[in-house]
Protein backbone atom coordinates (compact mmCIF):
# COMPACT_ATOMS: atom_id res chain seq x y z
CA MET A 1 77.57 -46.30 -49.54
CA LEU A 2 74.03 -44.73 -49.39
CA LYS A 3 74.29 -44.96 -45.58
CA GLN A 4 78.04 -43.68 -45.67
CA LYS A 5 76.39 -40.68 -47.42
CA LEU A 6 73.86 -40.03 -45.22
CA ALA A 7 75.96 -39.96 -42.18
CA PHE A 8 78.66 -37.73 -44.12
CA ALA A 9 75.26 -35.46 -44.59
CA PHE A 10 74.10 -35.82 -41.21
CA ALA A 11 77.87 -34.93 -39.78
CA ALA A 12 78.36 -31.94 -42.08
CA ALA A 13 74.70 -30.60 -40.94
CA MET A 14 75.71 -31.13 -37.47
CA PHE A 15 79.37 -28.92 -37.89
CA ALA A 16 77.30 -26.10 -39.70
CA THR A 17 74.74 -25.92 -37.05
CA THR A 18 77.63 -25.74 -33.89
CA SER A 19 79.69 -23.45 -35.82
CA LEU A 20 76.55 -21.25 -36.12
CA ALA A 21 75.66 -21.81 -32.36
CA SER A 22 78.86 -20.84 -31.58
CA ALA A 23 79.53 -17.51 -33.20
CA THR A 24 79.91 -14.88 -31.68
CA GLU A 25 78.03 -11.25 -32.51
CA LEU A 26 79.49 -8.34 -31.22
CA LYS A 27 77.36 -5.13 -30.47
CA LEU A 28 78.71 -1.89 -31.66
CA ALA A 29 76.81 1.22 -30.13
CA ASP A 30 76.96 4.91 -31.43
CA PHE A 31 74.84 7.71 -30.15
CA GLN A 32 74.85 9.35 -34.27
CA PRO A 33 71.75 9.00 -35.84
CA PRO A 34 71.31 5.89 -38.08
CA THR A 35 71.86 8.10 -41.50
CA HIS A 36 75.11 9.50 -40.32
CA PHE A 37 77.57 8.58 -43.22
CA VAL A 38 80.09 6.88 -40.38
CA VAL A 39 77.62 3.86 -41.06
CA LYS A 40 78.84 3.54 -44.51
CA ASN A 41 82.25 4.54 -44.70
CA ALA A 42 83.48 2.93 -41.28
CA TYR A 43 80.97 0.56 -39.85
CA GLU A 44 79.75 -1.29 -42.78
CA PRO A 45 83.85 -2.54 -43.79
CA PHE A 46 84.73 -3.18 -40.45
CA ALA A 47 81.97 -5.38 -40.06
CA ALA A 48 82.56 -7.56 -43.38
CA SER A 49 86.14 -7.48 -42.54
CA VAL A 50 85.43 -8.98 -39.18
CA SER A 51 83.11 -11.73 -40.65
CA GLU A 52 85.39 -12.38 -43.24
CA LYS A 53 88.54 -12.51 -41.83
CA THR A 54 86.94 -14.94 -38.73
CA GLY A 55 85.12 -17.30 -41.42
CA GLY A 56 81.82 -15.52 -39.98
CA ALA A 57 82.68 -17.09 -36.51
CA VAL A 58 82.52 -13.46 -35.10
CA THR A 59 79.93 -10.76 -36.74
CA VAL A 60 79.17 -7.08 -35.81
CA LYS A 61 75.74 -5.83 -35.38
CA VAL A 62 75.46 -1.67 -35.30
CA PHE A 63 72.89 -0.15 -33.05
CA MET A 64 72.67 3.85 -33.95
CA GLY A 65 70.71 6.47 -32.27
CA GLY A 66 71.61 5.23 -28.69
CA GLU A 67 69.60 2.37 -29.32
CA LEU A 68 71.06 0.70 -26.65
CA GLY A 69 70.83 3.84 -24.18
CA PRO A 70 70.68 7.82 -24.36
CA GLY A 71 73.60 9.92 -23.85
CA PRO A 72 76.78 10.38 -25.39
CA ALA A 73 78.61 11.16 -22.66
CA GLU A 74 77.56 7.46 -21.42
CA GLN A 75 79.57 5.36 -24.56
CA TYR A 76 82.57 4.76 -22.56
CA SER A 77 80.85 3.75 -19.63
CA ARG A 78 78.50 1.53 -21.56
CA ALA A 79 82.16 -0.40 -22.87
CA VAL A 80 83.39 -0.54 -19.64
CA ASP A 81 80.00 -2.26 -17.89
CA GLY A 82 79.40 -4.66 -20.95
CA VAL A 83 76.33 -3.15 -22.29
CA THR A 84 77.53 -3.06 -25.82
CA ASP A 85 81.11 -4.59 -26.81
CA ILE A 86 82.12 -2.00 -29.01
CA ALA A 87 81.17 1.24 -28.54
CA PHE A 88 82.28 4.81 -30.73
CA GLY A 89 82.53 7.95 -28.47
CA LEU A 90 84.39 11.14 -27.76
CA PRO A 91 87.13 11.26 -24.96
CA GLY A 92 86.17 14.79 -24.72
CA TYR A 93 82.95 13.60 -22.92
CA THR A 94 84.53 12.03 -20.21
CA ALA A 95 87.39 14.05 -20.19
CA SER A 96 88.82 12.91 -16.68
CA ASN A 97 89.80 9.75 -18.25
CA PHE A 98 91.39 11.00 -21.01
CA PRO A 99 93.90 13.64 -20.41
CA LYS A 100 96.53 12.56 -22.49
CA THR A 101 94.51 11.50 -25.31
CA LEU A 102 92.98 15.15 -25.29
CA LEU A 103 96.35 16.57 -26.06
CA THR A 104 95.62 15.43 -29.79
CA GLU A 105 92.63 18.08 -30.01
CA LEU A 106 95.06 21.06 -29.24
CA PRO A 107 95.41 23.63 -32.14
CA GLY A 108 98.72 22.78 -33.90
CA VAL A 109 99.15 19.39 -32.27
CA LEU A 110 97.51 17.62 -35.14
CA SER A 111 97.10 17.87 -39.17
CA ALA A 112 93.99 16.89 -39.86
CA ASP A 113 94.83 14.75 -43.24
CA THR A 114 97.94 13.09 -41.41
CA GLY A 115 96.74 13.17 -37.49
CA THR A 116 95.06 9.96 -37.54
CA ALA A 117 98.28 7.90 -38.85
CA GLN A 118 99.86 9.55 -36.21
CA MET A 119 97.73 8.98 -33.32
CA ILE A 120 97.95 5.35 -34.62
CA ALA A 121 101.34 5.20 -34.97
CA ASN A 122 101.79 5.98 -31.47
CA ILE A 123 98.64 4.27 -29.99
CA ASP A 124 100.83 2.22 -27.73
CA MET A 125 101.51 5.82 -25.74
CA LEU A 126 98.18 5.90 -24.27
CA ALA A 127 97.74 2.51 -23.05
CA ASP A 128 97.55 3.78 -19.19
CA GLU A 129 94.69 5.64 -20.38
CA TYR A 130 92.53 2.18 -21.53
CA ARG A 131 93.16 0.05 -18.98
CA ARG A 132 89.34 -0.78 -18.63
CA VAL A 133 88.94 -1.21 -22.35
CA VAL A 134 90.41 -1.91 -25.24
CA LEU A 135 91.17 0.76 -27.60
CA LEU A 136 90.83 -0.67 -31.32
CA GLY A 137 90.92 3.10 -33.12
CA LEU A 138 91.37 6.29 -32.61
CA TRP A 139 90.86 9.23 -35.22
CA ASN A 140 90.40 12.92 -35.94
CA ASN A 141 87.83 14.59 -37.42
CA ALA A 142 88.20 18.14 -39.76
CA PRO A 143 88.98 21.10 -37.59
CA ASN A 144 86.37 22.69 -35.56
CA ILE A 145 85.34 25.85 -36.84
CA ILE A 146 83.17 28.59 -35.26
CA PHE A 147 79.11 28.22 -36.19
CA THR A 148 77.17 31.61 -35.33
CA ALA A 149 72.94 31.73 -35.73
CA THR A 150 72.97 35.41 -35.81
CA LYS A 151 76.24 37.39 -35.50
CA PRO A 152 78.92 37.22 -38.10
CA ILE A 153 82.23 36.93 -36.31
CA ARG A 154 84.81 38.71 -38.35
CA SER A 155 87.31 39.80 -35.67
CA PHE A 156 88.70 38.43 -32.75
CA GLU A 157 86.65 41.16 -30.56
CA ASP A 158 83.40 39.71 -31.89
CA LEU A 159 83.38 36.66 -30.18
CA LYS A 160 83.70 38.27 -26.70
CA GLY A 161 80.90 37.54 -24.62
CA LEU A 162 79.01 35.04 -26.85
CA LYS A 163 77.97 31.77 -25.39
CA ILE A 164 79.72 29.06 -27.29
CA ARG A 165 79.13 25.40 -27.53
CA VAL A 166 82.39 22.97 -26.83
CA PRO A 167 83.23 19.67 -27.35
CA SER A 168 85.68 19.44 -24.81
CA ARG A 169 87.67 21.16 -21.53
CA ASN A 170 90.35 22.04 -23.78
CA ALA A 171 88.28 23.53 -26.43
CA GLY A 172 86.45 25.38 -23.77
CA LEU A 173 89.93 26.56 -22.20
CA VAL A 174 90.54 27.78 -26.02
CA VAL A 175 87.21 29.45 -26.61
CA GLU A 176 87.78 30.81 -23.36
CA ALA A 177 91.37 32.62 -24.37
CA TRP A 178 89.17 33.75 -27.48
CA GLY A 179 86.74 36.04 -25.20
CA ALA A 180 83.43 33.70 -25.49
CA SER A 181 82.01 31.59 -22.74
CA PRO A 182 82.57 27.82 -23.42
CA VAL A 183 78.92 25.77 -22.99
CA SER A 184 80.28 22.05 -22.87
CA MET A 185 77.32 20.02 -24.73
CA PRO A 186 77.32 16.87 -27.06
CA ALA A 187 76.99 17.37 -30.87
CA PRO A 188 73.15 16.07 -30.73
CA GLU A 189 72.13 18.66 -28.62
CA ILE A 190 73.52 21.72 -30.71
CA TYR A 191 70.35 22.04 -33.02
CA ASN A 192 68.12 22.83 -30.43
CA ALA A 193 70.51 24.73 -28.48
CA LEU A 194 71.13 27.04 -31.38
CA GLN A 195 67.77 27.23 -32.74
CA THR A 196 66.33 28.68 -29.07
CA GLY A 197 69.37 31.17 -27.94
CA VAL A 198 70.60 28.96 -25.50
CA ILE A 199 74.00 29.50 -27.10
CA ASP A 200 75.06 32.20 -29.68
CA GLY A 201 77.17 29.81 -31.69
CA ALA A 202 79.15 26.17 -31.61
CA MET A 203 82.59 25.44 -32.04
CA THR A 204 82.22 21.85 -34.33
CA ASP A 205 83.78 20.34 -37.53
CA ALA A 206 81.80 21.05 -40.89
CA THR A 207 80.18 17.51 -41.13
CA THR A 208 77.42 18.66 -38.83
CA LEU A 209 75.75 21.13 -41.33
CA GLY A 210 74.53 17.54 -42.66
CA ALA A 211 74.73 15.16 -40.08
CA PHE A 212 73.03 16.82 -37.46
CA LYS A 213 71.58 19.68 -39.63
CA LEU A 214 73.09 22.52 -38.13
CA ALA A 215 72.97 24.22 -41.95
CA GLU A 216 69.22 24.96 -40.74
CA VAL A 217 70.04 26.89 -37.83
CA THR A 218 73.36 28.45 -38.98
CA ASN A 219 74.13 31.28 -41.10
CA TYR A 220 77.64 32.52 -40.19
CA ILE A 221 80.70 30.04 -40.47
CA THR A 222 84.13 31.29 -39.60
CA VAL A 223 87.35 29.92 -40.20
CA GLY A 224 91.14 30.47 -40.65
CA MET A 225 92.38 30.45 -36.99
CA ASP A 226 94.05 27.96 -35.69
CA THR A 227 91.86 25.45 -33.48
CA THR A 228 91.02 22.72 -32.41
CA ILE A 229 90.56 19.26 -33.79
CA SER A 230 88.39 16.52 -32.02
CA SER A 231 89.32 12.77 -31.94
CA PHE A 232 86.85 9.57 -31.78
CA PHE A 233 87.63 6.51 -30.40
CA LEU A 234 86.21 3.10 -31.26
CA ILE A 235 86.24 1.22 -27.68
CA MET A 236 85.77 -2.88 -26.51
CA ASN A 237 84.79 -4.29 -23.29
CA ARG A 238 87.84 -6.26 -22.11
CA ASP A 239 85.54 -9.32 -21.47
CA SER A 240 84.08 -9.53 -24.87
CA PHE A 241 87.59 -9.11 -25.93
CA GLU A 242 89.32 -11.70 -24.12
CA GLY A 243 86.25 -14.26 -24.75
CA LEU A 244 87.79 -14.17 -28.68
CA ASP A 245 90.74 -16.37 -29.37
CA GLU A 246 94.02 -14.78 -30.36
CA ALA A 247 93.57 -14.82 -34.13
CA GLN A 248 89.80 -13.40 -34.00
CA GLN A 249 91.35 -10.80 -31.63
CA GLN A 250 94.04 -9.76 -33.83
CA VAL A 251 91.43 -9.61 -36.40
CA VAL A 252 88.86 -7.28 -34.63
CA VAL A 253 92.29 -4.69 -33.71
CA ASP A 254 92.93 -5.01 -37.22
CA ALA A 255 89.88 -3.70 -38.29
CA GLY A 256 89.55 -1.21 -35.83
CA ARG A 257 92.74 0.61 -37.00
CA GLU A 258 91.03 0.14 -40.47
CA ALA A 259 87.95 1.84 -38.93
CA ALA A 260 89.95 4.94 -37.88
CA LEU A 261 91.34 5.73 -41.30
CA ASN A 262 87.92 5.21 -43.10
CA GLY A 263 86.38 7.56 -40.51
CA ASN A 264 89.26 10.12 -40.76
CA LYS A 265 88.99 10.19 -44.81
CA ALA A 266 85.12 10.15 -44.64
CA TRP A 267 85.00 13.17 -41.79
CA LEU A 268 87.67 14.97 -43.87
CA GLY A 269 85.73 14.77 -47.65
CA ILE A 270 82.12 15.11 -46.28
CA ALA A 271 83.22 18.39 -44.21
CA ASP A 272 84.97 19.94 -47.42
CA LYS A 273 81.44 19.43 -49.46
CA ALA A 274 79.41 20.65 -46.49
CA LEU A 275 81.31 23.76 -46.38
CA ALA A 276 80.93 24.33 -49.93
CA GLY A 277 77.39 23.80 -50.10
CA PHE A 278 77.07 26.13 -47.34
CA ALA A 279 78.98 28.50 -49.11
CA ALA A 280 77.11 28.64 -51.64
CA THR A 281 73.60 29.04 -50.13
CA GLU A 282 71.61 32.18 -50.57
CA GLY A 283 71.86 33.71 -46.74
CA LYS A 284 74.53 31.93 -45.89
CA GLU A 285 78.28 33.14 -45.41
CA VAL A 286 81.61 31.45 -44.56
CA ILE A 287 83.94 34.36 -43.12
CA THR A 288 88.03 33.93 -43.53
CA LEU A 289 89.75 35.65 -40.85
CA ALA A 290 91.66 38.83 -42.06
CA ASP A 291 95.72 37.94 -41.23
CA ALA A 292 95.53 40.38 -38.56
CA GLU A 293 92.68 38.72 -36.80
CA THR A 294 93.98 35.27 -37.22
CA ALA A 295 97.14 36.45 -35.29
CA LYS A 296 95.10 37.44 -32.53
CA PHE A 297 93.23 33.99 -32.64
CA ASN A 298 96.52 31.99 -32.86
CA ALA A 299 98.44 33.78 -30.21
CA ALA A 300 95.94 33.07 -27.62
CA SER A 301 95.24 29.70 -28.55
CA ALA A 302 99.28 29.06 -28.25
CA ALA A 303 99.00 30.54 -24.51
CA VAL A 304 96.56 27.54 -24.42
CA VAL A 305 98.40 24.89 -25.80
CA ALA A 306 101.75 25.71 -23.31
CA LYS A 307 99.70 25.83 -20.47
CA VAL A 308 97.72 22.72 -21.14
CA VAL A 309 100.85 20.82 -21.58
CA ALA A 310 102.47 22.49 -18.74
CA ASP A 311 99.92 21.33 -16.34
CA ALA A 312 99.39 18.01 -17.77
CA GLU A 313 103.43 17.23 -17.38
CA ALA A 314 103.05 18.60 -13.43
CA GLN A 315 100.65 16.19 -13.11
CA GLY A 316 103.08 12.90 -14.05
CA ILE A 317 101.77 12.87 -17.81
CA ALA A 318 104.55 12.66 -20.01
CA ALA A 319 102.65 15.09 -22.61
CA GLY A 320 105.41 16.82 -24.09
CA ALA A 321 106.76 13.60 -25.29
CA PHE A 322 103.47 12.62 -26.74
CA VAL A 323 103.02 16.06 -28.55
CA ASP A 324 106.46 15.60 -29.66
CA ALA A 325 105.92 12.12 -31.23
CA LEU A 326 102.15 13.52 -32.62
CA LYS A 327 104.12 16.07 -34.70
CA SER A 328 107.26 14.03 -36.04
CA GLU A 329 105.46 13.08 -39.19
């Protein structure tokens, strides 16, 4: 009997050792700072869900602050090349790869609070743009508004000639239509550029007031116009994905969709609080455009949207159908 018990204990120990040895740890890379709210609100639930639903056979380790390599624009290639298993990034940073995805950021295409659900519902329409990776999640931020360091923007004419940071090509077209000069720049670079006068302002969402400390170098924020909404993706290396069994793959995909919804909720909630906090700070001002000025901004934006959609259609992209699907809530 004792021998049987010992044999059973030995077999159990060997099984546990083998299981641990064969466990798969997925690396998730993000260029944002380790203190960013995405860790608690999206990545920790994502990792917990993957571990729990695979019985610990698949785990996720998060690398923030560009730990797996610097440069936000390189996130897509890191996932393609297998430097990381999973990467967070903005399609707008490698715009030529994602012309259809970037239609989501055009003014009026998405609503901030329902846009993520709409993108997920129509995510199969983007399959052609993500052939080299697996698209786990796609979500939108709060509306991108205009931050300025020294000049308040109270009218359409106030933007004329200013250098404004933009997150993507389409956002640049909108800013250009508003009379400003767009400057493409990843979010982590905005602080120094504003502080040193390299740019006059930035098109970004209110979460960056805290996440990238932009409240320290911004004195005015202008809201009220139809504006762009940036999208973020969570993508996975195809070999890493195919190295999982079918059940594990489904767990990771489901967790990715949930991470997108969690990310969107966090971005919107934190943006609202950050903007309110900024408005309540002495020496800072949130400017809401008068109706007549809003109309000028919106007319210029509408012309850009029509042209971008038409140009995409001319390139063989089913842009109109995708935009219509996103708008049909």
